Amino acid sequence: MEFYFFEISLAIVAVIVTWMGCKAIKGIWTQVKRRISYMVGKSQDNQEVINLNASESLVSSSEPRRSKYDVFLSFRGLDTRRGITSQLYDQLHNKRRIATFMDDRDLEVGDAISPTLLKAIEESRFAIVVLSPNYASSTWCLEELAKICECMKDQNRILPLFYNVEPTNVRFQKSSFEEAFNKHESSGRYTSEKVQRWKDALSKVASFSGWDSNNYM
């Protein structure tokens, strides 16, 4: 699984460098190496070795595919569909041949999340969660995130990208995240248990090591 993480991380690096500038490289690469070192340490019992200079394609890895998708992209279309998320998809799916699921439409208010989308999460090896200012205003995104946390117990499978938000605001539901939850709670459409499930998922993912776009501006 380390090869998958390495290739996915390189794709994220390429996109952030495009958007934020070359000074992003050092900080992002440090995080990539730290996460891979952790994963290698966990897999030493299986005598797996990672070559950080390996140029082999992801699809040529000897590890058999056990998932339909390598990556599930969770994002708020209003904020990022025509920007950084599209660039991520291009780097992953088109340039690195990493099987990536990116939903091609935005749900309207009141629409239910589709079983197809939930199934795609179940069939994905990793999830990249693009946490943007309006992410929590979408109950669809929140349902995705809760499902991701349910299916991917190993935190190394969930890769948060904090895009124009403060990680602490996400983790503790402040600023736009607080406003979004106030609206969800006051609408009377969602049970307190469901809302708490969404909050717990956000807090959990925001506590993971990821990439913060504010660090590379």
N, C-alpha and C. Protein backbone atom coordinates (compact mmCIF):
# COMPACT_ATOMS: atom_id res chain seq x y z
N MET A 1 0.82 -1.21 0.00
CA MET A 1 0.00 0.00 0.00
C MET A 1 0.86 1.26 0.00
N GLU A 2 2.14 1.15 0.42
CA GLU A 2 3.01 2.31 0.47
C GLU A 2 3.25 2.90 -0.92
N PHE A 3 3.32 2.04 -1.96
CA PHE A 3 3.52 2.53 -3.30
C PHE A 3 2.33 3.40 -3.72
N TYR A 4 1.14 2.98 -3.36
CA TYR A 4 -0.05 3.75 -3.69
C TYR A 4 0.00 5.11 -3.02
N PHE A 5 0.34 5.12 -1.73
CA PHE A 5 0.41 6.39 -1.01
C PHE A 5 1.45 7.31 -1.63
N PHE A 6 2.61 6.74 -2.00
CA PHE A 6 3.68 7.54 -2.59
C PHE A 6 3.22 8.21 -3.89
N GLU A 7 2.60 7.44 -4.77
CA GLU A 7 2.15 7.98 -6.05
C GLU A 7 1.04 9.01 -5.86
N ILE A 8 0.12 8.75 -4.95
CA ILE A 8 -0.95 9.69 -4.67
C ILE A 8 -0.37 10.98 -4.10
N SER A 9 0.59 10.85 -3.21
CA SER A 9 1.22 12.04 -2.62
C SER A 9 1.92 12.88 -3.68
N LEU A 10 2.59 12.22 -4.63
CA LEU A 10 3.25 12.96 -5.70
C LEU A 10 2.23 13.75 -6.53
N ALA A 11 1.07 13.16 -6.73
CA ALA A 11 0.03 13.87 -7.48
C ALA A 11 -0.44 15.09 -6.71
N ILE A 12 -0.63 14.94 -5.40
CA ILE A 12 -1.05 16.08 -4.57
C ILE A 12 0.03 17.16 -4.60
N VAL A 13 1.29 16.74 -4.51
CA VAL A 13 2.40 17.70 -4.57
C VAL A 13 2.35 18.49 -5.88
N ALA A 14 2.17 17.79 -6.99
CA ALA A 14 2.14 18.44 -8.30
C ALA A 14 1.05 19.49 -8.37
N VAL A 15 -0.12 19.18 -7.83
CA VAL A 15 -1.24 20.12 -7.88
C VAL A 15 -1.01 21.31 -6.96
N ILE A 16 -0.55 21.06 -5.74
CA ILE A 16 -0.34 22.17 -4.81
C ILE A 16 0.77 23.10 -5.32
N VAL A 17 1.81 22.51 -5.89
CA VAL A 17 2.88 23.34 -6.45
C VAL A 17 2.33 24.23 -7.57
N THR A 18 1.45 23.67 -8.39
CA THR A 18 0.84 24.44 -9.48
C THR A 18 0.04 25.61 -8.93
N TRP A 19 -0.70 25.35 -7.86
CA TRP A 19 -1.58 26.38 -7.30
C TRP A 19 -0.88 27.33 -6.35
N MET A 20 0.08 26.80 -5.58
CA MET A 20 0.66 27.59 -4.50
C MET A 20 2.08 28.08 -4.78
N GLY A 21 2.75 27.48 -5.77
CA GLY A 21 4.11 27.89 -6.06
C GLY A 21 5.13 26.88 -5.59
N CYS A 22 6.34 27.00 -6.10
CA CYS A 22 7.39 26.00 -5.86
C CYS A 22 7.84 25.93 -4.41
N LYS A 23 7.60 26.98 -3.62
CA LYS A 23 8.05 26.91 -2.23
C LYS A 23 7.27 25.89 -1.43
N ALA A 24 6.20 25.34 -2.01
CA ALA A 24 5.42 24.31 -1.31
C ALA A 24 6.16 22.98 -1.27
N ILE A 25 7.11 22.77 -2.16
CA ILE A 25 7.69 21.44 -2.34
C ILE A 25 8.34 20.92 -1.07
N LYS A 26 9.16 21.71 -0.41
CA LYS A 26 9.92 21.21 0.74
C LYS A 26 9.01 20.73 1.86
N GLY A 27 8.03 21.55 2.22
CA GLY A 27 7.14 21.19 3.31
C GLY A 27 6.30 19.98 2.99
N ILE A 28 5.79 19.90 1.77
CA ILE A 28 4.95 18.77 1.38
C ILE A 28 5.78 17.50 1.33
N TRP A 29 6.97 17.58 0.77
CA TRP A 29 7.82 16.39 0.64
C TRP A 29 8.19 15.85 2.01
N THR A 30 8.42 16.72 2.98
CA THR A 30 8.70 16.28 4.34
C THR A 30 7.55 15.47 4.90
N GLN A 31 6.32 15.93 4.65
CA GLN A 31 5.15 15.20 5.13
C GLN A 31 5.02 13.86 4.43
N VAL A 32 5.30 13.83 3.14
CA VAL A 32 5.21 12.57 2.40
C VAL A 32 6.18 11.55 2.99
N LYS A 33 7.43 11.95 3.21
CA LYS A 33 8.42 11.02 3.74
C LYS A 33 8.06 10.56 5.14
N ARG A 34 7.53 11.47 5.96
CA ARG A 34 7.15 11.10 7.32
C ARG A 34 6.06 10.05 7.30
N ARG A 35 5.05 10.26 6.45
CA ARG A 35 3.94 9.30 6.42
C ARG A 35 4.40 7.95 5.86
N ILE A 36 5.24 7.96 4.82
CA ILE A 36 5.72 6.71 4.25
C ILE A 36 6.59 5.97 5.26
N SER A 37 7.43 6.70 6.00
CA SER A 37 8.27 6.05 7.01
C SER A 37 7.42 5.36 8.05
N TYR A 38 6.32 6.01 8.43
CA TYR A 38 5.41 5.40 9.40
C TYR A 38 4.79 4.13 8.84
N MET A 39 4.38 4.19 7.58
CA MET A 39 3.73 3.04 6.97
C MET A 39 4.71 1.90 6.77
N VAL A 40 5.94 2.22 6.42
CA VAL A 40 6.96 1.18 6.27
C VAL A 40 7.22 0.50 7.60
N GLY A 41 7.27 1.31 8.67
CA GLY A 41 7.48 0.74 9.99
C GLY A 41 6.39 -0.24 10.35
N LYS A 42 5.15 0.06 9.96
CA LYS A 42 4.03 -0.82 10.28
C LYS A 42 4.10 -2.12 9.48
N SER A 43 4.76 -2.07 8.32
CA SER A 43 4.75 -3.25 7.45
C SER A 43 6.05 -4.05 7.50
N GLN A 44 6.95 -3.73 8.42
CA GLN A 44 8.24 -4.42 8.46
C GLN A 44 8.09 -5.91 8.74
N ASP A 45 7.04 -6.26 9.45
CA ASP A 45 6.82 -7.68 9.73
C ASP A 45 6.60 -8.46 8.44
N ASN A 46 6.13 -7.75 7.41
CA ASN A 46 5.90 -8.39 6.12
C ASN A 46 7.08 -8.23 5.18
N GLN A 47 8.19 -7.60 5.70
CA GLN A 47 9.42 -7.41 4.94
C GLN A 47 9.18 -6.65 3.64
N GLU A 48 8.32 -5.61 3.74
CA GLU A 48 8.07 -4.77 2.57
C GLU A 48 9.07 -3.62 2.59
N VAL A 49 9.58 -3.25 1.42
CA VAL A 49 10.59 -2.21 1.31
C VAL A 49 10.11 -1.15 0.33
N ILE A 50 10.35 0.11 0.66
CA ILE A 50 9.97 1.21 -0.21
C ILE A 50 11.21 1.87 -0.80
N ASN A 51 11.22 2.07 -2.09
CA ASN A 51 12.27 2.80 -2.76
C ASN A 51 11.70 4.15 -3.18
N LEU A 52 12.09 5.22 -2.49
CA LEU A 52 11.52 6.53 -2.75
C LEU A 52 11.92 7.07 -4.12
N ASN A 53 12.90 6.45 -4.75
CA ASN A 53 13.30 6.90 -6.07
C ASN A 53 12.72 6.01 -7.16
N ALA A 54 11.85 5.10 -6.79
CA ALA A 54 11.29 4.17 -7.78
C ALA A 54 10.50 4.94 -8.81
N SER A 55 10.66 4.57 -10.07
CA SER A 55 9.96 5.24 -11.15
C SER A 55 8.88 4.37 -11.76
N GLU A 56 8.68 3.17 -11.20
CA GLU A 56 7.71 2.27 -11.77
C GLU A 56 6.31 2.84 -11.65
N SER A 57 5.50 2.56 -12.65
CA SER A 57 4.11 3.02 -12.63
C SER A 57 3.35 2.30 -11.54
N LEU A 58 2.32 2.97 -11.02
CA LEU A 58 1.48 2.37 -10.00
C LEU A 58 0.89 1.06 -10.48
N VAL A 59 0.46 1.03 -11.72
CA VAL A 59 -0.23 -0.16 -12.21
C VAL A 59 0.72 -1.33 -12.41
N SER A 60 2.04 -1.08 -12.37
CA SER A 60 2.99 -2.16 -12.54
C SER A 60 3.40 -2.78 -11.21
N SER A 61 2.88 -2.22 -10.10
CA SER A 61 3.21 -2.76 -8.79
C SER A 61 2.79 -4.22 -8.70
N SER A 62 3.58 -5.00 -7.96
CA SER A 62 3.28 -6.42 -7.81
C SER A 62 2.12 -6.66 -6.86
N GLU A 63 1.69 -5.61 -6.13
CA GLU A 63 0.59 -5.78 -5.20
C GLU A 63 -0.71 -5.94 -5.97
N PRO A 64 -1.47 -6.99 -5.74
CA PRO A 64 -2.71 -7.19 -6.47
C PRO A 64 -3.76 -6.16 -6.08
N ARG A 65 -4.58 -5.77 -7.03
CA ARG A 65 -5.63 -4.82 -6.75
C ARG A 65 -6.77 -5.50 -6.01
N ARG A 66 -7.13 -4.91 -4.86
CA ARG A 66 -8.22 -5.46 -4.08
C ARG A 66 -9.38 -4.47 -4.00
N SER A 67 -9.27 -3.36 -4.68
CA SER A 67 -10.32 -2.34 -4.66
C SER A 67 -10.61 -1.90 -6.09
N LYS A 68 -11.83 -1.48 -6.32
CA LYS A 68 -12.20 -0.99 -7.64
C LYS A 68 -11.52 0.34 -7.94
N TYR A 69 -11.41 1.19 -6.90
CA TYR A 69 -10.77 2.50 -7.05
C TYR A 69 -9.58 2.60 -6.10
N ASP A 70 -8.56 3.29 -6.56
CA ASP A 70 -7.43 3.58 -5.69
C ASP A 70 -7.75 4.77 -4.78
N VAL A 71 -8.47 5.76 -5.34
CA VAL A 71 -8.73 7.00 -4.61
C VAL A 71 -10.18 7.44 -4.80
N PHE A 72 -10.79 7.86 -3.70
CA PHE A 72 -12.10 8.51 -3.73
C PHE A 72 -11.87 9.98 -3.39
N LEU A 73 -12.35 10.88 -4.25
CA LEU A 73 -12.22 12.32 -3.99
C LEU A 73 -13.50 12.84 -3.34
N SER A 74 -13.37 13.38 -2.14
CA SER A 74 -14.48 14.02 -1.45
C SER A 74 -14.24 15.52 -1.46
N PHE A 75 -15.19 16.29 -1.96
CA PHE A 75 -14.96 17.72 -2.12
C PHE A 75 -16.30 18.45 -2.24
N ARG A 76 -16.26 19.76 -2.01
CA ARG A 76 -17.43 20.62 -2.19
C ARG A 76 -17.34 21.23 -3.57
N GLY A 77 -18.24 20.81 -4.46
CA GLY A 77 -18.16 21.25 -5.84
C GLY A 77 -18.20 22.76 -6.00
N LEU A 78 -19.00 23.42 -5.17
CA LEU A 78 -19.12 24.88 -5.23
C LEU A 78 -17.77 25.56 -5.06
N ASP A 79 -16.91 24.99 -4.22
CA ASP A 79 -15.62 25.60 -3.91
C ASP A 79 -14.51 25.18 -4.85
N THR A 80 -14.48 23.91 -5.24
CA THR A 80 -13.24 23.39 -5.83
C THR A 80 -13.39 22.56 -7.10
N ARG A 81 -14.63 22.27 -7.54
CA ARG A 81 -14.77 21.36 -8.68
C ARG A 81 -14.00 21.84 -9.90
N ARG A 82 -14.10 23.12 -10.24
CA ARG A 82 -13.45 23.65 -11.44
C ARG A 82 -12.04 24.16 -11.16
N GLY A 83 -11.53 23.83 -9.99
CA GLY A 83 -10.19 24.29 -9.64
C GLY A 83 -9.30 23.16 -9.20
N ILE A 84 -8.94 23.17 -7.93
CA ILE A 84 -7.92 22.25 -7.44
C ILE A 84 -8.37 20.79 -7.50
N THR A 85 -9.68 20.52 -7.34
CA THR A 85 -10.13 19.13 -7.40
C THR A 85 -10.01 18.56 -8.81
N SER A 86 -10.34 19.36 -9.81
CA SER A 86 -10.17 18.90 -11.19
C SER A 86 -8.71 18.64 -11.50
N GLN A 87 -7.83 19.48 -10.96
CA GLN A 87 -6.40 19.27 -11.17
C GLN A 87 -5.93 17.99 -10.48
N LEU A 88 -6.46 17.73 -9.29
CA LEU A 88 -6.11 16.49 -8.60
C LEU A 88 -6.54 15.28 -9.43
N TYR A 89 -7.75 15.33 -9.93
CA TYR A 89 -8.26 14.20 -10.73
C TYR A 89 -7.38 13.99 -11.96
N ASP A 90 -6.99 15.08 -12.60
CA ASP A 90 -6.16 14.97 -13.80
C ASP A 90 -4.81 14.34 -13.46
N GLN A 91 -4.19 14.79 -12.38
CA GLN A 91 -2.89 14.23 -11.98
C GLN A 91 -2.99 12.76 -11.60
N LEU A 92 -4.05 12.42 -10.90
CA LEU A 92 -4.20 11.04 -10.43
C LEU A 92 -4.64 10.11 -11.55
N HIS A 93 -5.75 10.41 -12.16
CA HIS A 93 -6.41 9.49 -13.09
C HIS A 93 -5.76 9.49 -14.48
N ASN A 94 -5.52 10.68 -14.99
CA ASN A 94 -5.04 10.79 -16.37
C ASN A 94 -3.52 10.67 -16.50
N LYS A 95 -2.78 11.29 -15.58
CA LYS A 95 -1.33 11.33 -15.73
C LYS A 95 -0.61 10.19 -14.99
N ARG A 96 -1.21 9.69 -13.92
CA ARG A 96 -0.54 8.64 -13.15
C ARG A 96 -1.28 7.31 -13.19
N ARG A 97 -2.37 7.28 -13.94
CA ARG A 97 -3.15 6.05 -14.12
C ARG A 97 -3.59 5.44 -12.78
N ILE A 98 -3.94 6.31 -11.85
CA ILE A 98 -4.46 5.88 -10.56
C ILE A 98 -5.99 5.94 -10.65
N ALA A 99 -6.63 4.80 -10.49
CA ALA A 99 -8.08 4.74 -10.62
C ALA A 99 -8.74 5.62 -9.57
N THR A 100 -9.39 6.69 -10.02
CA THR A 100 -9.92 7.71 -9.12
C THR A 100 -11.40 7.94 -9.35
N PHE A 101 -12.16 7.96 -8.27
CA PHE A 101 -13.59 8.26 -8.36
C PHE A 101 -13.81 9.72 -8.02
N MET A 102 -14.39 10.45 -8.98
CA MET A 102 -14.79 11.84 -8.76
C MET A 102 -16.20 12.00 -9.28
N ASP A 103 -17.14 12.28 -8.39
CA ASP A 103 -18.52 12.43 -8.82
C ASP A 103 -18.64 13.64 -9.75
N ASP A 104 -19.49 13.50 -10.78
CA ASP A 104 -19.53 14.53 -11.81
C ASP A 104 -20.71 15.48 -11.70
N ARG A 105 -21.37 15.51 -10.55
CA ARG A 105 -22.46 16.47 -10.41
C ARG A 105 -22.57 16.92 -8.97
N ASP A 106 -23.22 18.06 -8.77
CA ASP A 106 -23.48 18.58 -7.44
C ASP A 106 -24.94 18.33 -7.09
N LEU A 107 -25.17 17.82 -5.89
CA LEU A 107 -26.55 17.60 -5.45
C LEU A 107 -27.21 18.92 -5.11
N GLU A 108 -28.48 19.02 -5.40
CA GLU A 108 -29.26 20.17 -4.97
C GLU A 108 -29.68 19.96 -3.52
N VAL A 109 -30.06 21.07 -2.87
CA VAL A 109 -30.52 20.99 -1.49
C VAL A 109 -31.70 20.02 -1.40
N GLY A 110 -31.62 19.11 -0.48
CA GLY A 110 -32.70 18.15 -0.31
C GLY A 110 -32.47 16.83 -1.00
N ASP A 111 -31.52 16.76 -1.92
CA ASP A 111 -31.22 15.50 -2.59
C ASP A 111 -30.53 14.54 -1.62
N ALA A 112 -30.82 13.27 -1.78
CA ALA A 112 -30.18 12.25 -0.94
C ALA A 112 -28.91 11.74 -1.62
N ILE A 113 -27.92 11.40 -0.81
CA ILE A 113 -26.70 10.84 -1.36
C ILE A 113 -27.02 9.48 -1.97
N SER A 114 -26.46 9.21 -3.13
CA SER A 114 -26.81 8.02 -3.87
C SER A 114 -26.09 6.78 -3.34
N PRO A 115 -26.74 5.60 -3.44
CA PRO A 115 -26.07 4.35 -3.04
C PRO A 115 -24.81 4.10 -3.86
N THR A 116 -24.79 4.58 -5.11
CA THR A 116 -23.62 4.41 -5.97
C THR A 116 -22.40 5.10 -5.36
N LEU A 117 -22.63 6.28 -4.82
CA LEU A 117 -21.54 7.05 -4.21
C LEU A 117 -21.02 6.34 -2.96
N LEU A 118 -21.92 5.85 -2.14
CA LEU A 118 -21.52 5.14 -0.93
C LEU A 118 -20.76 3.86 -1.28
N LYS A 119 -21.20 3.19 -2.35
CA LYS A 119 -20.53 1.98 -2.80
C LYS A 119 -19.12 2.29 -3.28
N ALA A 120 -18.96 3.42 -3.95
CA ALA A 120 -17.63 3.82 -4.43
C ALA A 120 -16.66 4.02 -3.27
N ILE A 121 -17.16 4.58 -2.17
CA ILE A 121 -16.31 4.75 -0.99
C ILE A 121 -15.87 3.39 -0.45
N GLU A 122 -16.82 2.46 -0.38
CA GLU A 122 -16.52 1.12 0.12
C GLU A 122 -15.47 0.43 -0.75
N GLU A 123 -15.46 0.75 -2.04
CA GLU A 123 -14.57 0.09 -2.99
C GLU A 123 -13.29 0.86 -3.26
N SER A 124 -12.98 1.85 -2.43
CA SER A 124 -11.78 2.67 -2.63
C SER A 124 -10.72 2.36 -1.60
N ARG A 125 -9.48 2.43 -2.04
CA ARG A 125 -8.33 2.14 -1.18
C ARG A 125 -7.98 3.34 -0.30
N PHE A 126 -8.00 4.53 -0.88
CA PHE A 126 -7.70 5.77 -0.17
C PHE A 126 -8.81 6.78 -0.42
N ALA A 127 -8.86 7.82 0.43
CA ALA A 127 -9.75 8.96 0.20
C ALA A 127 -8.94 10.24 0.37
N ILE A 128 -9.07 11.14 -0.60
CA ILE A 128 -8.53 12.49 -0.45
C ILE A 128 -9.73 13.38 -0.15
N VAL A 129 -9.69 14.06 1.00
CA VAL A 129 -10.79 14.92 1.43
C VAL A 129 -10.33 16.36 1.29
N VAL A 130 -10.93 17.08 0.34
CA VAL A 130 -10.59 18.49 0.11
C VAL A 130 -11.51 19.33 0.99
N LEU A 131 -10.98 19.77 2.12
CA LEU A 131 -11.77 20.52 3.09
C LEU A 131 -11.68 22.01 2.78
N SER A 132 -12.76 22.55 2.24
CA SER A 132 -12.82 23.94 1.81
C SER A 132 -13.87 24.69 2.63
N PRO A 133 -13.94 26.02 2.50
CA PRO A 133 -14.83 26.80 3.38
C PRO A 133 -16.29 26.35 3.42
N ASN A 134 -16.83 25.88 2.29
CA ASN A 134 -18.24 25.50 2.26
C ASN A 134 -18.46 23.99 2.34
N TYR A 135 -17.43 23.24 2.71
CA TYR A 135 -17.55 21.78 2.75
C TYR A 135 -18.69 21.34 3.66
N ALA A 136 -18.74 21.89 4.86
CA ALA A 136 -19.73 21.44 5.85
C ALA A 136 -21.14 21.94 5.55
N SER A 137 -21.28 22.86 4.63
CA SER A 137 -22.63 23.33 4.28
C SER A 137 -23.37 22.29 3.44
N SER A 138 -22.63 21.31 2.92
CA SER A 138 -23.22 20.23 2.12
C SER A 138 -23.40 18.99 2.99
N THR A 139 -24.66 18.60 3.22
CA THR A 139 -24.89 17.37 3.99
C THR A 139 -24.42 16.16 3.20
N TRP A 140 -24.36 16.29 1.88
CA TRP A 140 -23.83 15.23 1.04
C TRP A 140 -22.36 14.98 1.37
N CYS A 141 -21.58 16.07 1.45
CA CYS A 141 -20.15 15.94 1.81
C CYS A 141 -20.00 15.33 3.20
N LEU A 142 -20.84 15.75 4.12
CA LEU A 142 -20.74 15.24 5.49
C LEU A 142 -21.08 13.76 5.55
N GLU A 143 -22.07 13.33 4.76
CA GLU A 143 -22.40 11.91 4.71
C GLU A 143 -21.26 11.11 4.09
N GLU A 144 -20.65 11.68 3.05
CA GLU A 144 -19.47 11.04 2.45
C GLU A 144 -18.39 10.84 3.50
N LEU A 145 -18.12 11.91 4.23
CA LEU A 145 -17.02 11.87 5.20
C LEU A 145 -17.29 10.85 6.30
N ALA A 146 -18.51 10.80 6.78
CA ALA A 146 -18.86 9.83 7.81
C ALA A 146 -18.68 8.40 7.28
N LYS A 147 -19.06 8.19 6.03
CA LYS A 147 -18.91 6.88 5.41
C LYS A 147 -17.43 6.53 5.23
N ILE A 148 -16.64 7.51 4.84
CA ILE A 148 -15.19 7.31 4.68
C ILE A 148 -14.57 6.87 6.00
N CYS A 149 -14.94 7.55 7.09
CA CYS A 149 -14.39 7.20 8.40
C CYS A 149 -14.84 5.81 8.82
N GLU A 150 -16.04 5.44 8.44
CA GLU A 150 -16.56 4.11 8.78
C GLU A 150 -15.81 3.01 8.04
N CYS A 151 -15.48 3.27 6.78
CA CYS A 151 -14.86 2.25 5.93
C CYS A 151 -13.34 2.20 6.05
N MET A 152 -12.73 3.32 6.38
CA MET A 152 -11.27 3.42 6.39
C MET A 152 -10.79 3.67 7.81
N LYS A 153 -10.69 2.61 8.57
CA LYS A 153 -10.31 2.73 9.98
C LYS A 153 -8.87 3.17 10.15
N ASP A 154 -8.01 2.77 9.22
CA ASP A 154 -6.59 3.15 9.27
C ASP A 154 -6.47 4.60 8.81
N GLN A 155 -6.01 5.48 9.68
CA GLN A 155 -5.95 6.90 9.36
C GLN A 155 -5.05 7.20 8.16
N ASN A 156 -4.12 6.29 7.84
CA ASN A 156 -3.22 6.54 6.72
C ASN A 156 -3.93 6.41 5.38
N ARG A 157 -5.15 5.93 5.38
CA ARG A 157 -5.92 5.82 4.14
C ARG A 157 -6.71 7.09 3.85
N ILE A 158 -6.81 7.99 4.82
CA ILE A 158 -7.57 9.23 4.65
C ILE A 158 -6.58 10.39 4.60
N LEU A 159 -6.56 11.11 3.49
CA LEU A 159 -5.59 12.18 3.27
C LEU A 159 -6.32 13.52 3.17
N PRO A 160 -6.29 14.32 4.24
CA PRO A 160 -6.98 15.61 4.20
C PRO A 160 -6.15 16.69 3.52
N LEU A 161 -6.80 17.49 2.71
CA LEU A 161 -6.19 18.66 2.09
C LEU A 161 -7.01 19.86 2.54
N PHE A 162 -6.42 20.69 3.40
CA PHE A 162 -7.10 21.86 3.93
C PHE A 162 -6.93 23.01 2.94
N TYR A 163 -8.00 23.34 2.25
CA TYR A 163 -7.91 24.31 1.16
C TYR A 163 -8.61 25.61 1.56
N ASN A 164 -7.79 26.63 1.84
CA ASN A 164 -8.30 27.95 2.25
C ASN A 164 -9.12 27.88 3.54
N VAL A 165 -8.77 26.96 4.42
CA VAL A 165 -9.40 26.88 5.74
C VAL A 165 -8.32 26.61 6.78
N GLU A 166 -8.61 26.97 8.02
CA GLU A 166 -7.71 26.65 9.12
C GLU A 166 -8.07 25.27 9.65
N PRO A 167 -7.11 24.36 9.76
CA PRO A 167 -7.41 23.03 10.28
C PRO A 167 -8.12 23.04 11.63
N THR A 168 -7.77 23.99 12.50
CA THR A 168 -8.44 24.05 13.81
C THR A 168 -9.91 24.42 13.66
N ASN A 169 -10.26 25.23 12.66
CA ASN A 169 -11.66 25.58 12.43
C ASN A 169 -12.46 24.36 11.98
N VAL A 170 -11.79 23.49 11.24
CA VAL A 170 -12.45 22.26 10.80
C VAL A 170 -12.61 21.32 12.00
N ARG A 171 -11.55 21.13 12.73
CA ARG A 171 -11.55 20.16 13.83
C ARG A 171 -12.56 20.53 14.92
N PHE A 172 -12.66 21.84 15.22
CA PHE A 172 -13.54 22.27 16.31
C PHE A 172 -14.80 22.99 15.81
N GLN A 173 -15.05 22.89 14.52
CA GLN A 173 -16.24 23.48 13.88
C GLN A 173 -16.42 24.96 14.24
N LYS A 174 -15.45 25.75 13.82
CA LYS A 174 -15.50 27.19 14.00
C LYS A 174 -15.68 27.87 12.64
N SER A 175 -15.91 29.17 12.65
CA SER A 175 -16.03 29.97 11.43
C SER A 175 -17.14 29.41 10.53
N SER A 176 -16.84 29.19 9.25
CA SER A 176 -17.87 28.73 8.31
C SER A 176 -18.42 27.35 8.68
N PHE A 177 -17.62 26.54 9.36
CA PHE A 177 -18.07 25.21 9.77
C PHE A 177 -19.10 25.32 10.89
N GLU A 178 -18.89 26.25 11.79
CA GLU A 178 -19.86 26.49 12.86
C GLU A 178 -21.17 27.00 12.28
N GLU A 179 -21.07 27.93 11.34
CA GLU A 179 -22.27 28.47 10.70
C GLU A 179 -23.06 27.38 9.98
N ALA A 180 -22.34 26.50 9.31
CA ALA A 180 -23.01 25.42 8.58
C ALA A 180 -23.77 24.50 9.53
N PHE A 181 -23.15 24.14 10.64
CA PHE A 181 -23.81 23.24 11.58
C PHE A 181 -24.97 23.92 12.30
N ASN A 182 -24.85 25.21 12.52
CA ASN A 182 -25.99 25.93 13.11
C ASN A 182 -27.21 25.85 12.20
N LYS A 183 -26.98 25.95 10.90
CA LYS A 183 -28.08 25.85 9.94
C LYS A 183 -28.65 24.44 9.89
N HIS A 184 -27.78 23.45 9.92
CA HIS A 184 -28.25 22.06 9.90
C HIS A 184 -29.11 21.76 11.13
N GLU A 185 -28.65 22.25 12.28
CA GLU A 185 -29.36 21.98 13.53
C GLU A 185 -30.68 22.72 13.61
N SER A 186 -30.69 23.96 13.14
CA SER A 186 -31.92 24.77 13.21
C SER A 186 -32.95 24.39 12.16
N SER A 187 -32.52 23.66 11.13
CA SER A 187 -33.45 23.29 10.06
C SER A 187 -34.47 22.27 10.53
N GLY A 188 -34.13 21.50 11.55
CA GLY A 188 -35.03 20.48 12.06
C GLY A 188 -35.15 19.25 11.17
N ARG A 189 -34.32 19.16 10.16
CA ARG A 189 -34.41 18.05 9.20
C ARG A 189 -33.52 16.88 9.59
N TYR A 190 -32.60 17.10 10.53
CA TYR A 190 -31.63 16.06 10.85
C TYR A 190 -31.65 15.77 12.35
N THR A 191 -31.52 14.52 12.70
CA THR A 191 -31.49 14.14 14.11
C THR A 191 -30.19 14.61 14.75
N SER A 192 -30.23 14.76 16.06
CA SER A 192 -29.02 15.19 16.77
C SER A 192 -27.93 14.14 16.64
N GLU A 193 -28.33 12.86 16.55
CA GLU A 193 -27.35 11.79 16.38
C GLU A 193 -26.63 11.90 15.04
N LYS A 194 -27.37 12.20 13.98
CA LYS A 194 -26.76 12.34 12.66
C LYS A 194 -25.80 13.52 12.63
N VAL A 195 -26.23 14.66 13.20
CA VAL A 195 -25.37 15.85 13.21
C VAL A 195 -24.10 15.57 14.00
N GLN A 196 -24.22 14.87 15.12
CA GLN A 196 -23.04 14.56 15.92
C GLN A 196 -22.11 13.62 15.17
N ARG A 197 -22.68 12.71 14.40
CA ARG A 197 -21.87 11.80 13.57
C ARG A 197 -21.05 12.59 12.57
N TRP A 198 -21.66 13.60 11.98
CA TRP A 198 -20.92 14.46 11.03
C TRP A 198 -19.80 15.21 11.73
N LYS A 199 -20.11 15.77 12.90
CA LYS A 199 -19.09 16.52 13.64
C LYS A 199 -17.92 15.63 14.03
N ASP A 200 -18.23 14.43 14.48
CA ASP A 200 -17.17 13.50 14.89
C ASP A 200 -16.27 13.16 13.70
N ALA A 201 -16.86 12.98 12.53
CA ALA A 201 -16.08 12.65 11.34
C ALA A 201 -15.16 13.81 10.97
N LEU A 202 -15.66 15.03 11.02
CA LEU A 202 -14.83 16.19 10.71
C LEU A 202 -13.68 16.32 11.71
N SER A 203 -14.00 16.17 12.99
CA SER A 203 -12.96 16.28 14.01
C SER A 203 -11.89 15.22 13.83
N LYS A 204 -12.31 14.02 13.49
CA LYS A 204 -11.37 12.92 13.31
C LYS A 204 -10.43 13.18 12.14
N VAL A 205 -11.00 13.52 10.98
CA VAL A 205 -10.18 13.72 9.79
C VAL A 205 -9.28 14.94 9.94
N ALA A 206 -9.78 15.99 10.59
CA ALA A 206 -8.98 17.21 10.76
C ALA A 206 -7.81 16.99 11.70
N SER A 207 -7.84 15.91 12.48
CA SER A 207 -6.73 15.62 13.39
C SER A 207 -5.60 14.86 12.70
N PHE A 208 -5.86 14.39 11.46
CA PHE A 208 -4.85 13.64 10.74
C PHE A 208 -3.83 14.58 10.10
N SER A 209 -2.63 14.06 9.90
CA SER A 209 -1.62 14.81 9.18
C SER A 209 -2.02 14.93 7.72
N GLY A 210 -2.00 16.17 7.20
CA GLY A 210 -2.39 16.38 5.82
C GLY A 210 -1.66 17.55 5.21
N TRP A 211 -2.29 18.20 4.26
CA TRP A 211 -1.68 19.35 3.58
C TRP A 211 -2.55 20.58 3.80
N ASP A 212 -1.92 21.66 4.25
CA ASP A 212 -2.62 22.91 4.53
C ASP A 212 -2.18 23.95 3.51
N SER A 213 -3.08 24.37 2.63
CA SER A 213 -2.72 25.32 1.57
C SER A 213 -2.24 26.64 2.13
N ASN A 214 -2.67 26.99 3.34
CA ASN A 214 -2.24 28.26 3.94
C ASN A 214 -0.75 28.30 4.25
N ASN A 215 -0.14 27.13 4.33
CA ASN A 215 1.29 27.08 4.63
C ASN A 215 2.15 27.39 3.41
N TYR A 216 1.55 27.43 2.24
CA TYR A 216 2.33 27.55 1.01
C TYR A 216 1.93 28.75 0.18
N MET A 217 1.24 29.69 0.81
CA MET A 217 0.81 30.88 0.09
C MET A 217 1.98 31.84 -0.12
